[in-house]
Amino acid sequence: MYDVGGIHKECAENRKTEWQKNNKNTVIKQGDNVQLKFTEEGVEKVEHMWVTVTEINGKSIKGNLCNDPIYITKIKDGDEVNFNFNQIEQVYGQKMES
C-alpha cells in the first residue's frame, strides 16, 4: 500500500477538520474520484492523479489509483493508497472552495 504523505494518526483528525472547514460544501463519499499530488524520493516530477475512494474511517481515507503514473515508479493503476482529507486537491465533478 502506498502512503500519500504519511502523517501521524494524532494529526489526522485535525487535518480532516481543517480540510472540511475550508471545503465545507464538498462532501467526500465512497466511490468518489479525488485528485491527489504524488511525489517520490529521487523523482523531480510531481504527478497529480485520480484515486477512487474505497473507505473513509474518520481518520484516513483509502482508495485505488485510477491510472498509471508516468514518472512515479512505486505505484501503478489499481494500487491501494492511503491519504487524508487535507491532501485532496479536487473532487471529480465538484468545484473546490479556496
PDB file of N, CA and C in Angstrom:
ATOM      1  N   MET A   1       0.844  -1.173   0.000  1.00  0.00           N
ATOM      2  CA  MET A   1       0.000   0.000   0.000  1.00  0.00           C
ATOM      3  C   MET A   1       0.893   1.242   0.000  1.00  0.00           C
ATOM      4  N   TYR A   2       0.545   2.244  -0.760  1.00  0.00           N
ATOM      5  CA  TYR A   2       1.288   3.491  -0.879  1.00  0.00           C
ATOM      6  C   TYR A   2       0.670   4.503   0.059  1.00  0.00           C
ATOM      7  N   ASP A   3       1.487   5.114   0.895  1.00  0.00           N
ATOM      8  CA  ASP A   3       1.007   6.106   1.846  1.00  0.00           C
ATOM      9  C   ASP A   3       1.321   7.484   1.298  1.00  0.00           C
ATOM     10  N   VAL A   4       0.297   8.245   0.957  1.00  0.00           N
ATOM     11  CA  VAL A   4       0.477   9.569   0.378  1.00  0.00           C
ATOM     12  C   VAL A   4       0.805  10.546   1.501  1.00  0.00           C
ATOM     13  N   GLY A   5       2.047  10.962   1.583  1.00  0.00           N
ATOM     14  CA  GLY A   5       2.453  11.979   2.534  1.00  0.00           C
ATOM     15  C   GLY A   5       2.539  11.540   3.976  1.00  0.00           C
ATOM     16  N   GLY A   6       2.340  10.298   4.292  1.00  0.00           N
ATOM     17  CA  GLY A   6       2.398   9.721   5.625  1.00  0.00           C
ATOM     18  C   GLY A   6       2.365  10.702   6.782  1.00  0.00           C
ATOM     19  N   ILE A   7       1.248  10.853   7.431  1.00  0.00           N
ATOM     20  CA  ILE A   7       1.135  11.735   8.587  1.00  0.00           C
ATOM     21  C   ILE A   7       0.884  10.899   9.825  1.00  0.00           C
ATOM     22  N   HIS A   8       1.154  11.474  10.983  1.00  0.00           N
ATOM     23  CA  HIS A   8       0.884  10.792  12.246  1.00  0.00           C
ATOM     24  C   HIS A   8      -0.612  10.720  12.472  1.00  0.00           C
ATOM     25  N   LYS A   9      -1.073   9.602  13.038  1.00  0.00           N
ATOM     26  CA  LYS A   9      -2.501   9.404  13.265  1.00  0.00           C
ATOM     27  C   LYS A   9      -3.087  10.481  14.169  1.00  0.00           C
ATOM     28  N   GLU A  10      -2.272  11.001  15.125  1.00  0.00           N
ATOM     29  CA  GLU A  10      -2.774  12.043  16.026  1.00  0.00           C
ATOM     30  C   GLU A  10      -3.168  13.309  15.262  1.00  0.00           C
ATOM     31  N   CYS A  11      -2.484  13.567  14.156  1.00  0.00           N
ATOM     32  CA  CYS A  11      -2.746  14.776  13.371  1.00  0.00           C
ATOM     33  C   CYS A  11      -3.890  14.597  12.379  1.00  0.00           C
ATOM     34  N   ALA A  12      -4.248  13.361  12.081  1.00  0.00           N
ATOM     35  CA  ALA A  12      -5.215  13.097  11.012  1.00  0.00           C
ATOM     36  C   ALA A  12      -6.553  13.772  11.264  1.00  0.00           C
ATOM     37  N   GLU A  13      -7.069  13.685  12.482  1.00  0.00           N
ATOM     38  CA  GLU A  13      -8.377  14.268  12.768  1.00  0.00           C
ATOM     39  C   GLU A  13      -8.342  15.790  12.639  1.00  0.00           C
ATOM     40  N   ASN A  14      -7.268  16.416  13.085  1.00  0.00           N
ATOM     41  CA  ASN A  14      -7.143  17.869  12.947  1.00  0.00           C
ATOM     42  C   ASN A  14      -7.077  18.289  11.484  1.00  0.00           C
ATOM     43  N   ARG A  15      -6.348  17.536  10.669  1.00  0.00           N
ATOM     44  CA  ARG A  15      -6.236  17.864   9.253  1.00  0.00           C
ATOM     45  C   ARG A  15      -7.568  17.661   8.543  1.00  0.00           C
ATOM     46  N   LYS A  16      -8.293  16.611   8.927  1.00  0.00           N
ATOM     47  CA  LYS A  16      -9.621  16.372   8.343  1.00  0.00           C
ATOM     48  C   LYS A  16     -10.538  17.547   8.658  1.00  0.00           C
ATOM     49  N   THR A  17     -10.524  17.982   9.927  1.00  0.00           N
ATOM     50  CA  THR A  17     -11.363  19.104  10.350  1.00  0.00           C
ATOM     51  C   THR A  17     -10.987  20.366   9.584  1.00  0.00           C
ATOM     52  N   GLU A  18      -9.679  20.617   9.427  1.00  0.00           N
ATOM     53  CA  GLU A  18      -9.219  21.787   8.677  1.00  0.00           C
ATOM     54  C   GLU A  18      -9.677  21.720   7.227  1.00  0.00           C
ATOM     55  N   TRP A  19      -9.529  20.534   6.595  1.00  0.00           N
ATOM     56  CA  TRP A  19      -9.945  20.378   5.200  1.00  0.00           C
ATOM     57  C   TRP A  19     -11.449  20.626   5.076  1.00  0.00           C
ATOM     58  N   GLN A  20     -12.225  20.041   6.005  1.00  0.00           N
ATOM     59  CA  GLN A  20     -13.672  20.203   5.949  1.00  0.00           C
ATOM     60  C   GLN A  20     -14.072  21.653   6.169  1.00  0.00           C
ATOM     61  N   LYS A  21     -13.377  22.373   7.032  1.00  0.00           N
ATOM     62  CA  LYS A  21     -13.674  23.786   7.274  1.00  0.00           C
ATOM     63  C   LYS A  21     -13.441  24.596   6.002  1.00  0.00           C
ATOM     64  N   ASN A  22     -12.336  24.312   5.315  1.00  0.00           N
ATOM     65  CA  ASN A  22     -12.011  25.056   4.105  1.00  0.00           C
ATOM     66  C   ASN A  22     -12.843  24.629   2.902  1.00  0.00           C
ATOM     67  N   ASN A  23     -13.437  23.464   2.961  1.00  0.00           N
ATOM     68  CA  ASN A  23     -14.223  22.927   1.851  1.00  0.00           C
ATOM     69  C   ASN A  23     -15.559  22.406   2.368  1.00  0.00           C
ATOM     70  N   LYS A  24     -16.211  23.223   3.189  1.00  0.00           N
ATOM     71  CA  LYS A  24     -17.402  22.761   3.912  1.00  0.00           C
ATOM     72  C   LYS A  24     -18.552  22.313   3.022  1.00  0.00           C
ATOM     73  N   ASN A  25     -18.583  22.746   1.788  1.00  0.00           N
ATOM     74  CA  ASN A  25     -19.665  22.331   0.893  1.00  0.00           C
ATOM     75  C   ASN A  25     -19.285  21.113   0.045  1.00  0.00           C
ATOM     76  N   THR A  26     -18.074  20.611   0.245  1.00  0.00           N
ATOM     77  CA  THR A  26     -17.606  19.459  -0.506  1.00  0.00           C
ATOM     78  C   THR A  26     -17.764  18.213   0.350  1.00  0.00           C
ATOM     79  N   VAL A  27     -18.512  17.250  -0.123  1.00  0.00           N
ATOM     80  CA  VAL A  27     -18.747  16.009   0.591  1.00  0.00           C
ATOM     81  C   VAL A  27     -17.993  14.895  -0.135  1.00  0.00           C
ATOM     82  N   ILE A  28     -17.200  14.154   0.614  1.00  0.00           N
ATOM     83  CA  ILE A  28     -16.461  13.024   0.048  1.00  0.00           C
ATOM     84  C   ILE A  28     -17.137  11.748   0.516  1.00  0.00           C
ATOM     85  N   LYS A  29     -17.388  10.845  -0.419  1.00  0.00           N
ATOM     86  CA  LYS A  29     -18.024   9.573  -0.048  1.00  0.00           C
ATOM     87  C   LYS A  29     -17.386   8.440  -0.835  1.00  0.00           C
ATOM     88  N   GLN A  30     -17.640   7.236  -0.385  1.00  0.00           N
ATOM     89  CA  GLN A  30     -17.123   6.054  -1.060  1.00  0.00           C
ATOM     90  C   GLN A  30     -17.578   6.071  -2.516  1.00  0.00           C
ATOM     91  N   GLY A  31     -16.648   5.796  -3.424  1.00  0.00           N
ATOM     92  CA  GLY A  31     -16.954   5.794  -4.855  1.00  0.00           C
ATOM     93  C   GLY A  31     -16.578   7.083  -5.565  1.00  0.00           C
ATOM     94  N   ASP A  32     -16.348   8.171  -4.800  1.00  0.00           N
ATOM     95  CA  ASP A  32     -15.920   9.429  -5.411  1.00  0.00           C
ATOM     96  C   ASP A  32     -14.517   9.295  -5.969  1.00  0.00           C
ATOM     97  N   ASN A  33     -14.218  10.085  -6.993  1.00  0.00           N
ATOM     98  CA  ASN A  33     -12.865  10.174  -7.535  1.00  0.00           C
ATOM     99  C   ASN A  33     -12.258  11.484  -7.072  1.00  0.00           C
ATOM    100  N   VAL A  34     -11.105  11.387  -6.415  1.00  0.00           N
ATOM    101  CA  VAL A  34     -10.422  12.569  -5.899  1.00  0.00           C
ATOM    102  C   VAL A  34      -9.036  12.651  -6.518  1.00  0.00           C
ATOM    103  N   GLN A  35      -8.559  13.879  -6.695  1.00  0.00           N
ATOM    104  CA  GLN A  35      -7.240  14.082  -7.265  1.00  0.00           C
ATOM    105  C   GLN A  35      -6.244  14.340  -6.134  1.00  0.00           C
ATOM    106  N   LEU A  36      -5.095  13.661  -6.196  1.00  0.00           N
ATOM    107  CA  LEU A  36      -4.040  13.802  -5.202  1.00  0.00           C
ATOM    108  C   LEU A  36      -2.722  14.113  -5.881  1.00  0.00           C
ATOM    109  N   LYS A  37      -1.826  14.726  -5.132  1.00  0.00           N
ATOM    110  CA  LYS A  37      -0.473  15.006  -5.609  1.00  0.00           C
ATOM    111  C   LYS A  37       0.434  13.882  -5.122  1.00  0.00           C
ATOM    112  N   PHE A  38       1.175  13.271  -6.042  1.00  0.00           N
ATOM    113  CA  PHE A  38       2.082  12.182  -5.715  1.00  0.00           C
ATOM    114  C   PHE A  38       3.516  12.610  -5.971  1.00  0.00           C
ATOM    115  N   THR A  39       4.389  12.280  -5.036  1.00  0.00           N
ATOM    116  CA  THR A  39       5.821  12.514  -5.193  1.00  0.00           C
ATOM    117  C   THR A  39       6.560  11.233  -4.834  1.00  0.00           C
ATOM    118  N   GLU A  40       7.811  11.179  -5.253  1.00  0.00           N
ATOM    119  CA  GLU A  40       8.644  10.028  -4.917  1.00  0.00           C
ATOM    120  C   GLU A  40      10.077  10.522  -4.759  1.00  0.00           C
ATOM    121  N   GLU A  41      10.727  10.071  -3.710  1.00  0.00           N
ATOM    122  CA  GLU A  41      12.115  10.463  -3.474  1.00  0.00           C
ATOM    123  C   GLU A  41      12.965  10.085  -4.684  1.00  0.00           C
ATOM    124  N   GLY A  42      13.785  11.052  -5.131  1.00  0.00           N
ATOM    125  CA  GLY A  42      14.643  10.821  -6.284  1.00  0.00           C
ATOM    126  C   GLY A  42      13.994  11.138  -7.614  1.00  0.00           C
ATOM    127  N   VAL A  43      12.694  11.451  -7.608  1.00  0.00           N
ATOM    128  CA  VAL A  43      11.971  11.804  -8.830  1.00  0.00           C
ATOM    129  C   VAL A  43      11.617  13.284  -8.749  1.00  0.00           C
ATOM    130  N   GLU A  44      12.111  14.073  -9.719  1.00  0.00           N
ATOM    131  CA  GLU A  44      11.882  15.515  -9.696  1.00  0.00           C
ATOM    132  C   GLU A  44      10.455  15.906 -10.047  1.00  0.00           C
ATOM    133  N   LYS A  45       9.804  15.131 -10.882  1.00  0.00           N
ATOM    134  CA  LYS A  45       8.450  15.455 -11.346  1.00  0.00           C
ATOM    135  C   LYS A  45       7.410  15.122 -10.275  1.00  0.00           C
ATOM    136  N   VAL A  46       6.363  15.917 -10.229  1.00  0.00           N
ATOM    137  CA  VAL A  46       5.206  15.684  -9.371  1.00  0.00           C
ATOM    138  C   VAL A  46       4.072  15.216 -10.262  1.00  0.00           C
ATOM    139  N   GLU A  47       3.304  14.246  -9.798  1.00  0.00           N
ATOM    140  CA  GLU A  47       2.164  13.777 -10.588  1.00  0.00           C
ATOM    141  C   GLU A  47       0.877  14.016  -9.823  1.00  0.00           C
ATOM    142  N   HIS A  48      -0.139  14.482 -10.523  1.00  0.00           N
ATOM    143  CA  HIS A  48      -1.475  14.692  -9.963  1.00  0.00           C
ATOM    144  C   HIS A  48      -2.360  13.619 -10.597  1.00  0.00           C
ATOM    145  N   MET A  49      -2.830  12.690  -9.755  1.00  0.00           N
ATOM    146  CA  MET A  49      -3.566  11.548 -10.288  1.00  0.00           C
ATOM    147  C   MET A  49      -4.873  11.339  -9.526  1.00  0.00           C
ATOM    148  N   TRP A  50      -5.772  10.620 -10.168  1.00  0.00           N
ATOM    149  CA  TRP A  50      -7.089  10.347  -9.613  1.00  0.00           C
ATOM    150  C   TRP A  50      -7.097   9.040  -8.831  1.00  0.00           C
ATOM    151  N   VAL A  51      -7.832   9.064  -7.726  1.00  0.00           N
ATOM    152  CA  VAL A  51      -7.981   7.900  -6.859  1.00  0.00           C
ATOM    153  C   VAL A  51      -9.470   7.723  -6.573  1.00  0.00           C
ATOM    154  N   THR A  52      -9.973   6.503  -6.667  1.00  0.00           N
ATOM    155  CA  THR A  52     -11.357   6.202  -6.308  1.00  0.00           C
ATOM    156  C   THR A  52     -11.409   5.840  -4.831  1.00  0.00           C
ATOM    157  N   VAL A  53     -12.209   6.578  -4.068  1.00  0.00           N
ATOM    158  CA  VAL A  53     -12.332   6.358  -2.627  1.00  0.00           C
ATOM    159  C   VAL A  53     -13.024   5.022  -2.365  1.00  0.00           C
ATOM    160  N   THR A  54     -12.392   4.181  -1.540  1.00  0.00           N
ATOM    161  CA  THR A  54     -12.969   2.881  -1.192  1.00  0.00           C
ATOM    162  C   THR A  54     -13.371   2.793   0.275  1.00  0.00           C
ATOM    163  N   GLU A  55     -12.763   3.643   1.110  1.00  0.00           N
ATOM    164  CA  GLU A  55     -13.054   3.578   2.545  1.00  0.00           C
ATOM    165  C   GLU A  55     -12.721   4.903   3.220  1.00  0.00           C
ATOM    166  N   ILE A  56     -13.617   5.344   4.110  1.00  0.00           N
ATOM    167  CA  ILE A  56     -13.368   6.529   4.935  1.00  0.00           C
ATOM    168  C   ILE A  56     -13.617   6.095   6.373  1.00  0.00           C
ATOM    169  N   ASN A  57     -12.577   6.192   7.208  1.00  0.00           N
ATOM    170  CA  ASN A  57     -12.759   5.747   8.579  1.00  0.00           C
ATOM    171  C   ASN A  57     -12.718   6.878   9.586  1.00  0.00           C
ATOM    172  N   GLY A  58     -12.835   8.111   9.134  1.00  0.00           N
ATOM    173  CA  GLY A  58     -12.849   9.261  10.024  1.00  0.00           C
ATOM    174  C   GLY A  58     -11.478   9.836  10.291  1.00  0.00           C
ATOM    175  N   LYS A  59     -10.457   9.014  10.177  1.00  0.00           N
ATOM    176  CA  LYS A  59      -9.090   9.481  10.393  1.00  0.00           C
ATOM    177  C   LYS A  59      -8.284   9.460   9.113  1.00  0.00           C
ATOM    178  N   SER A  60      -8.638   8.592   8.237  1.00  0.00           N
ATOM    179  CA  SER A  60      -7.915   8.499   6.970  1.00  0.00           C
ATOM    180  C   SER A  60      -8.842   7.957   5.895  1.00  0.00           C
ATOM    181  N   ILE A  61      -8.361   8.042   4.677  1.00  0.00           N
ATOM    182  CA  ILE A  61      -9.128   7.579   3.521  1.00  0.00           C
ATOM    183  C   ILE A  61      -8.270   6.566   2.772  1.00  0.00           C
ATOM    184  N   LYS A  62      -8.910   5.546   2.244  1.00  0.00           N
ATOM    185  CA  LYS A  62      -8.242   4.585   1.372  1.00  0.00           C
ATOM    186  C   LYS A  62      -8.897   4.656   0.010  1.00  0.00           C
ATOM    187  N   GLY A  63      -8.107   4.411  -1.006  1.00  0.00           N
ATOM    188  CA  GLY A  63      -8.643   4.395  -2.354  1.00  0.00           C
ATOM    189  C   GLY A  63      -7.719   3.643  -3.288  1.00  0.00           C
ATOM    190  N   ASN A  64      -8.171   3.489  -4.524  1.00  0.00           N
ATOM    191  CA  ASN A  64      -7.385   2.806  -5.547  1.00  0.00           C
ATOM    192  C   ASN A  64      -7.027   3.786  -6.653  1.00  0.00           C
ATOM    193  N   LEU A  65      -5.758   3.770  -7.026  1.00  0.00           N
ATOM    194  CA  LEU A  65      -5.268   4.625  -8.092  1.00  0.00           C
ATOM    195  C   LEU A  65      -5.987   4.296  -9.395  1.00  0.00           C
ATOM    196  N   CYS A  66      -6.393   5.321 -10.141  1.00  0.00           N
ATOM    197  CA  CYS A  66      -7.193   5.133 -11.358  1.00  0.00           C
ATOM    198  C   CYS A  66      -6.376   5.144 -12.645  1.00  0.00           C
ATOM    199  N   ASN A  67      -5.083   5.390 -12.562  1.00  0.00           N
ATOM    200  CA  ASN A  67      -4.282   5.428 -13.773  1.00  0.00           C
ATOM    201  C   ASN A  67      -2.828   5.065 -13.460  1.00  0.00           C
ATOM    202  N   ASP A  68      -2.052   4.778 -14.499  1.00  0.00           N
ATOM    203  CA  ASP A  68      -0.632   4.504 -14.321  1.00  0.00           C
ATOM    204  C   ASP A  68       0.142   5.820 -14.334  1.00  0.00           C
ATOM    205  N   PRO A  69       1.023   6.005 -13.373  1.00  0.00           N
ATOM    206  CA  PRO A  69       1.846   7.216 -13.373  1.00  0.00           C
ATOM    207  C   PRO A  69       2.884   7.170 -14.497  1.00  0.00           C
ATOM    208  N   ILE A  70       3.353   8.333 -14.871  1.00  0.00           N
ATOM    209  CA  ILE A  70       4.386   8.428 -15.901  1.00  0.00           C
ATOM    210  C   ILE A  70       5.772   8.422 -15.263  1.00  0.00           C
ATOM    211  N   TYR A  71       5.937   9.141 -14.145  1.00  0.00           N
ATOM    212  CA  TYR A  71       7.248   9.303 -13.527  1.00  0.00           C
ATOM    213  C   TYR A  71       7.424   8.486 -12.244  1.00  0.00           C
ATOM    214  N   ILE A  72       6.385   8.379 -11.449  1.00  0.00           N
ATOM    215  CA  ILE A  72       6.448   7.654 -10.178  1.00  0.00           C
ATOM    216  C   ILE A  72       6.506   6.162 -10.482  1.00  0.00           C
ATOM    217  N   THR A  73       7.422   5.451  -9.839  1.00  0.00           N
ATOM    218  CA  THR A  73       7.616   4.034 -10.165  1.00  0.00           C
ATOM    219  C   THR A  73       7.121   3.074  -9.089  1.00  0.00           C
ATOM    220  N   LYS A  74       6.813   3.560  -7.898  1.00  0.00           N
ATOM    221  CA  LYS A  74       6.459   2.665  -6.794  1.00  0.00           C
ATOM    222  C   LYS A  74       4.986   2.284  -6.747  1.00  0.00           C
ATOM    223  N   ILE A  75       4.175   2.873  -7.616  1.00  0.00           N
ATOM    224  CA  ILE A  75       2.745   2.551  -7.657  1.00  0.00           C
ATOM    225  C   ILE A  75       2.288   2.374  -9.095  1.00  0.00           C
ATOM    226  N   LYS A  76       1.123   1.727  -9.229  1.00  0.00           N
ATOM    227  CA  LYS A  76       0.557   1.525 -10.572  1.00  0.00           C
ATOM    228  C   LYS A  76      -0.967   1.549 -10.471  1.00  0.00           C
ATOM    229  N   ASP A  77      -1.613   1.582 -11.607  1.00  0.00           N
ATOM    230  CA  ASP A  77      -3.069   1.578 -11.695  1.00  0.00           C
ATOM    231  C   ASP A  77      -3.641   0.459 -10.826  1.00  0.00           C
ATOM    232  N   GLY A  78      -4.612   0.795  -9.993  1.00  0.00           N
ATOM    233  CA  GLY A  78      -5.282  -0.179  -9.143  1.00  0.00           C
ATOM    234  C   GLY A  78      -4.686  -0.330  -7.759  1.00  0.00           C
ATOM    235  N   ASP A  79      -3.464   0.176  -7.533  1.00  0.00           N
ATOM    236  CA  ASP A  79      -2.848   0.066  -6.207  1.00  0.00           C
ATOM    237  C   ASP A  79      -3.647   0.837  -5.167  1.00  0.00           C
ATOM    238  N   GLU A  80      -3.667   0.304  -3.955  1.00  0.00           N
ATOM    239  CA  GLU A  80      -4.346   0.978  -2.846  1.00  0.00           C
ATOM    240  C   GLU A  80      -3.428   2.055  -2.276  1.00  0.00           C
ATOM    241  N   VAL A  81      -4.003   3.218  -1.998  1.00  0.00           N
ATOM    242  CA  VAL A  81      -3.254   4.324  -1.406  1.00  0.00           C
ATOM    243  C   VAL A  81      -3.993   4.831  -0.170  1.00  0.00           C
ATOM    244  N   ASN A  82      -3.223   5.316   0.794  1.00  0.00           N
ATOM    245  CA  ASN A  82      -3.768   5.957   1.995  1.00  0.00           C
ATOM    246  C   ASN A  82      -3.533   7.447   1.894  1.00  0.00           C
ATOM    247  N   PHE A  83      -4.499   8.232   2.292  1.00  0.00           N
ATOM    248  CA  PHE A  83      -4.345   9.679   2.283  1.00  0.00           C
ATOM    249  C   PHE A  83      -5.314  10.278   3.275  1.00  0.00           C
ATOM    250  N   ASN A  84      -5.231  11.584   3.460  1.00  0.00           N
ATOM    251  CA  ASN A  84      -6.149  12.256   4.372  1.00  0.00           C
ATOM    252  C   ASN A  84      -6.895  13.362   3.641  1.00  0.00           C
ATOM    253  N   PHE A  85      -7.891  13.916   4.288  1.00  0.00           N
ATOM    254  CA  PHE A  85      -8.741  14.923   3.658  1.00  0.00           C
ATOM    255  C   PHE A  85      -7.944  16.137   3.190  1.00  0.00           C
ATOM    256  N   ASN A  86      -6.928  16.513   3.946  1.00  0.00           N
ATOM    257  CA  ASN A  86      -6.154  17.699   3.618  1.00  0.00           C
ATOM    258  C   ASN A  86      -5.343  17.535   2.332  1.00  0.00           C
ATOM    259  N   GLN A  87      -5.124  16.332   1.883  1.00  0.00           N
ATOM    260  CA  GLN A  87      -4.327  16.086   0.692  1.00  0.00           C
ATOM    261  C   GLN A  87      -5.153  16.077  -0.597  1.00  0.00           C
ATOM    262  N   ILE A  88      -6.458  16.171  -0.474  1.00  0.00           N
ATOM    263  CA  ILE A  88      -7.320  16.162  -1.656  1.00  0.00           C
ATOM    264  C   ILE A  88      -7.222  17.508  -2.367  1.00  0.00           C
ATOM    265  N   GLU A  89      -6.872  17.465  -3.634  1.00  0.00           N
ATOM    266  CA  GLU A  89      -6.767  18.684  -4.436  1.00  0.00           C
ATOM    267  C   GLU A  89      -8.077  19.024  -5.129  1.00  0.00           C
ATOM    268  N   GLN A  90      -8.820  17.997  -5.505  1.00  0.00           N
ATOM    269  CA  GLN A  90     -10.050  18.215  -6.270  1.00  0.00           C
ATOM    270  C   GLN A  90     -10.907  16.962  -6.165  1.00  0.00           C
ATOM    271  N   VAL A  91     -12.215  17.164  -6.224  1.00  0.00           N
ATOM    272  CA  VAL A  91     -13.158  16.051  -6.289  1.00  0.00           C
ATOM    273  C   VAL A  91     -13.792  16.107  -7.668  1.00  0.00           C
ATOM    274  N   TYR A  92     -13.765  14.994  -8.394  1.00  0.00           N
ATOM    275  CA  TYR A  92     -14.281  14.974  -9.757  1.00  0.00           C
ATOM    276  C   TYR A  92     -15.730  15.448  -9.776  1.00  0.00           C
ATOM    277  N   GLY A  93     -15.972  16.460 -10.588  1.00  0.00           N
ATOM    278  CA  GLY A  93     -17.336  16.968 -10.754  1.00  0.00           C
ATOM    279  C   GLY A  93     -17.741  18.022  -9.731  1.00  0.00           C
ATOM    280  N   GLN A  94     -16.843  18.362  -8.789  1.00  0.00           N
ATOM    281  CA  GLN A  94     -17.162  19.381  -7.782  1.00  0.00           C
ATOM    282  C   GLN A  94     -16.117  20.475  -7.827  1.00  0.00           C
ATOM    283  N   LYS A  95     -16.557  21.711  -7.651  1.00  0.00           N
ATOM    284  CA  LYS A  95     -15.637  22.836  -7.582  1.00  0.00           C
ATOM    285  C   LYS A  95     -15.163  22.970  -6.141  1.00  0.00           C
ATOM    286  N   MET A  96     -13.850  23.007  -5.944  1.00  0.00           N
ATOM    287  CA  MET A  96     -13.287  23.147  -4.608  1.00  0.00           C
ATOM    288  C   MET A  96     -13.305  24.600  -4.191  1.00  0.00           C
ATOM    289  N   GLU A  97     -13.607  24.857  -2.932  1.00  0.00           N
ATOM    290  CA  GLU A  97     -13.564  26.221  -2.402  1.00  0.00           C
ATOM    291  C   GLU A  97     -12.135  26.540  -2.018  1.00  0.00           C
ATOM    292  N   SER A  98     -11.767  27.816  -2.102  1.00  0.00           N
ATOM    293  CA  SER A  98     -10.412  28.211  -1.687  1.00  0.00           C
ATOM    294  C   SER A  98     -10.442  28.961  -0.384  1.00  0.00           C
TER     295      SER A  98
END
